[in-house]
Amino acid sequence: MALSSLALAGDRAPVPLFRYLTPAAGAVAKLEPGCCRWPLGGPAEPDFRFCHGPRLARSSYCARHERVARAGGQQGTASAEPRS
């Protein structure tokens, strides 16, 4: 890429990273390391998201969703809020 192209690229307005993604793809793209991957809602719903609670070591889920998964719970049925 030429230097002039790099300079021009800096003059453009930023494009939102998740602008063209479906709600489900955007939720996956926003996942951070160490966050619970339990899905909340259906992938076709506009407010689809993941729990994002702190993951347990060697698990994809937080403590609450790990218990639900081991008990055979269905995805999307448990709340993101841990119980005391």
Protein backbone atom coordinates (compact mmCIF):
# COMPACT_ATOMS: atom_id res chain seq x y z
CA MET A 1 0.00 0.00 0.00
CA ALA A 2 1.38 3.41 -0.91
CA LEU A 3 2.02 6.03 1.75
CA SER A 4 -0.60 8.30 0.18
CA SER A 5 -3.20 5.55 0.61
CA LEU A 6 -2.32 5.25 4.29
CA ALA A 7 -2.68 8.98 4.77
CA LEU A 8 -6.06 8.96 3.03
CA ALA A 9 -7.27 6.05 5.14
CA GLY A 10 -6.70 8.14 8.27
CA ASP A 11 -8.99 10.86 6.91
CA ARG A 12 -12.02 8.56 6.61
CA ALA A 13 -14.77 8.35 9.17
CA PRO A 14 -14.50 5.20 11.31
CA VAL A 15 -16.93 2.39 10.50
CA PRO A 16 -18.48 0.58 13.46
CA LEU A 17 -16.84 -2.83 13.72
CA PHE A 18 -20.07 -4.79 14.19
CA ARG A 19 -22.24 -2.77 11.81
CA TYR A 20 -22.84 -5.54 9.27
CA LEU A 21 -23.04 -8.53 11.62
CA THR A 22 -26.20 -10.34 12.64
CA PRO A 23 -27.06 -10.03 16.35
CA ALA A 24 -25.70 -13.53 17.00
CA ALA A 25 -22.45 -12.92 15.10
CA GLY A 26 -22.01 -9.59 16.87
CA ALA A 27 -22.50 -11.27 20.26
CA VAL A 28 -19.84 -13.87 19.41
CA ALA A 29 -17.46 -11.18 18.17
CA LYS A 30 -17.86 -9.24 21.44
CA LEU A 31 -16.93 -12.21 23.64
CA GLU A 32 -13.82 -11.56 25.68
CA PRO A 33 -11.42 -14.11 27.16
CA GLY A 34 -12.56 -15.19 30.59
CA CYS A 35 -16.27 -14.46 29.97
CA CYS A 36 -19.08 -17.00 30.32
CA ARG A 37 -20.30 -18.25 26.93
CA TRP A 38 -23.81 -19.22 28.05
CA PRO A 39 -26.25 -17.89 25.40
CA LEU A 40 -29.17 -15.78 26.58
CA GLY A 41 -32.12 -15.72 24.22
CA GLY A 42 -32.32 -17.04 20.69
CA PRO A 43 -29.72 -16.19 18.03
CA ALA A 44 -32.40 -14.56 15.83
CA GLU A 45 -33.49 -12.16 18.59
CA PRO A 46 -32.11 -8.60 18.39
CA ASP A 47 -31.07 -8.65 22.07
CA PHE A 48 -29.26 -12.02 21.84
CA ARG A 49 -26.17 -12.05 24.03
CA PHE A 50 -23.96 -14.18 26.24
CA CYS A 51 -23.79 -14.15 30.04
CA HIS A 52 -20.29 -12.56 30.22
CA GLY A 53 -19.90 -13.55 33.89
CA PRO A 54 -16.46 -14.72 35.04
CA ARG A 55 -15.68 -18.18 33.62
CA LEU A 56 -14.54 -21.04 35.80
CA ALA A 57 -11.10 -22.49 35.12
CA ARG A 58 -11.29 -25.19 32.41
CA SER A 59 -14.90 -24.28 31.57
CA SER A 60 -16.74 -22.15 29.05
CA TYR A 61 -19.25 -21.08 31.68
CA CYS A 62 -19.57 -19.22 34.98
CA ALA A 63 -20.33 -21.25 38.13
CA ARG A 64 -24.11 -21.00 37.75
CA HIS A 65 -24.24 -21.92 34.07
CA GLU A 66 -21.72 -24.73 34.60
CA ARG A 67 -24.15 -26.26 37.12
CA VAL A 68 -27.06 -25.84 34.69
CA ALA A 69 -25.05 -27.40 31.85
CA ARG A 70 -24.02 -30.39 33.97
CA ALA A 71 -27.66 -30.86 35.07
CA GLY A 72 -28.76 -31.02 31.43
CA GLY A 73 -30.35 -27.56 31.27
CA GLN A 74 -31.42 -26.10 27.96
CA GLN A 75 -29.49 -23.19 26.50
CA GLY A 76 -31.00 -19.78 26.97
CA THR A 77 -33.24 -20.78 29.86
CA ALA A 78 -31.07 -19.66 32.77
CA SER A 79 -30.62 -16.07 33.85
CA ALA A 80 -27.27 -14.31 33.61
CA GLU A 81 -27.56 -13.30 37.28
CA PRO A 82 -25.92 -15.78 39.69
CA ARG A 83 -27.98 -16.89 42.66
CA SER A 84 -26.66 -16.47 46.18
